[in-house]
Amino acid sequence: HLLPLPKSPSAHTSISLDPNKDLNFDIIEKQFKFEKPSHLLSLDIRNRNAKIDTTIPEISTKLKSLNAHITNAKKSQEQEKIDNLQYVYSQLKKYKSVLEDIRKIPFYEKDS
């Protein structure tokens, strides 16, 4: 069976996808922590690809949400918050591209 990815933090720290709500950096950090991509390489290929296929859309949603929060932080000119959000955004983008690269690794079926 597949383990859920990411490990969901408890519901009360769930990130608000509503950019009008305030974002606390600790919550953001917890919420945007995914497994190290290298962990995926030890899984068998089907599991690995299935995990990646469910994770990439989640990441895309979070990137959209972060983008909205960044826009809001810029309006209120909170530089520290902008920096934090942009940092998380760039980490998440890197993570997504690593997953996409791993997804492209070809695999060969063993003849059974």
Protein backbone atom coordinates (compact mmCIF):
# COMPACT_ATOMS: atom_id res chain seq x y z
CA HIS A 1 0.00 0.00 0.00
CA LEU A 2 1.06 3.61 -0.44
CA LEU A 3 2.03 5.78 2.46
CA PRO A 4 0.53 9.24 2.26
CA LEU A 5 2.93 11.91 1.06
CA PRO A 6 3.52 14.36 2.57
CA LYS A 7 3.19 13.28 6.16
CA SER A 8 0.20 15.44 7.02
CA PRO A 9 0.69 17.65 10.01
CA SER A 10 -2.23 17.73 12.41
CA ALA A 11 -5.29 19.51 11.09
CA HIS A 12 -4.89 22.59 13.27
CA THR A 13 -1.66 23.54 11.49
CA SER A 14 -3.20 23.15 8.08
CA ILE A 15 -2.15 25.90 5.73
CA SER A 16 -4.81 28.33 4.71
CA LEU A 17 -5.25 28.42 0.97
CA ASP A 18 -7.07 31.69 1.55
CA PRO A 19 -4.55 34.49 0.92
CA ASN A 20 -6.60 36.86 3.09
CA LYS A 21 -5.78 34.79 6.15
CA ASP A 22 -2.51 35.41 7.91
CA LEU A 23 0.28 32.92 7.31
CA ASN A 24 2.53 31.95 10.18
CA PHE A 25 5.99 30.93 9.00
CA ASP A 26 6.25 27.92 11.36
CA ILE A 27 2.98 26.61 10.00
CA ILE A 28 4.17 27.16 6.45
CA GLU A 29 7.39 25.29 7.15
CA LYS A 30 5.61 22.32 8.73
CA GLN A 31 3.04 22.19 5.99
CA PHE A 32 5.52 22.35 3.13
CA LYS A 33 7.88 19.68 4.38
CA PHE A 34 7.89 16.75 2.01
CA GLU A 35 9.96 13.59 2.17
CA LYS A 36 13.43 13.80 0.71
CA PRO A 37 13.10 12.88 -2.96
CA SER A 38 15.90 10.34 -2.54
CA HIS A 39 13.60 8.29 -0.28
CA LEU A 40 11.45 7.72 -3.33
CA LEU A 41 14.28 6.02 -5.18
CA SER A 42 14.26 3.10 -2.78
CA LEU A 43 10.60 2.33 -3.53
CA ASP A 44 9.68 -0.01 -6.29
CA ILE A 45 8.99 1.86 -9.51
CA ARG A 46 5.20 1.58 -9.56
CA ASN A 47 4.88 2.80 -5.97
CA ARG A 48 7.38 5.54 -6.61
CA ASN A 49 5.58 6.83 -9.69
CA ALA A 50 2.19 6.60 -8.01
CA LYS A 51 3.48 8.66 -5.08
CA ILE A 52 4.99 11.22 -7.40
CA ASP A 53 1.76 11.43 -9.42
CA THR A 54 -0.25 12.25 -6.31
CA THR A 55 2.36 14.64 -4.91
CA ILE A 56 2.97 16.86 -7.93
CA PRO A 57 -0.63 18.20 -8.07
CA GLU A 58 -0.51 18.86 -4.30
CA ILE A 59 2.67 20.85 -4.79
CA SER A 60 1.12 22.80 -7.66
CA THR A 61 -1.82 23.74 -5.43
CA LYS A 62 0.52 24.86 -2.67
CA LEU A 63 2.60 26.90 -5.11
CA LYS A 64 -0.55 28.72 -6.28
CA SER A 65 -1.51 29.38 -2.69
CA LEU A 66 1.96 30.63 -1.79
CA ASN A 67 1.93 32.91 -4.80
CA ALA A 68 -1.26 34.55 -3.58
CA HIS A 69 0.25 34.97 -0.11
CA ILE A 70 3.40 36.51 -1.60
CA THR A 71 1.28 39.00 -3.55
CA ASN A 72 -0.52 39.97 -0.34
CA ALA A 73 2.69 40.28 1.65
CA LYS A 74 4.02 42.60 -1.07
CA LYS A 75 0.92 44.78 -0.79
CA SER A 76 1.49 45.13 2.94
CA GLN A 77 5.24 45.46 2.36
CA GLU A 78 6.20 42.98 5.07
CA GLN A 79 9.70 42.23 3.85
CA GLU A 80 10.49 39.42 6.28
CA LYS A 81 7.28 37.63 5.40
CA ILE A 82 7.92 38.13 1.68
CA ASP A 83 11.43 36.65 2.05
CA ASN A 84 10.14 33.66 4.02
CA LEU A 85 7.38 32.95 1.54
CA GLN A 86 9.69 33.31 -1.44
CA TYR A 87 12.19 30.97 0.19
CA VAL A 88 9.55 28.28 0.74
CA TYR A 89 8.26 28.87 -2.78
CA SER A 90 11.69 28.32 -4.32
CA GLN A 91 12.31 25.19 -2.23
CA LEU A 92 8.96 23.79 -3.26
CA LYS A 93 9.63 24.54 -6.93
CA LYS A 94 12.99 22.74 -6.70
CA TYR A 95 11.32 19.79 -5.03
CA LYS A 96 8.70 19.63 -7.75
CA SER A 97 11.30 19.66 -10.52
CA VAL A 98 13.30 16.91 -8.78
CA LEU A 99 10.13 14.81 -8.62
CA GLU A 100 9.47 15.45 -12.28
CA ASP A 101 13.02 14.34 -13.08
CA ILE A 102 12.70 11.18 -11.00
CA ARG A 103 9.41 10.47 -12.77
CA LYS A 104 11.25 10.50 -16.11
CA ILE A 105 13.73 7.80 -15.09
CA PRO A 106 12.92 4.88 -17.37
CA PHE A 107 12.45 1.44 -15.94
CA TYR A 108 12.58 -2.01 -17.38
CA GLU A 109 10.12 -4.72 -16.51
CA LYS A 110 11.72 -8.00 -15.55
CA ASP A 111 10.26 -10.88 -17.52
CA SER A 112 8.33 -12.99 -15.08
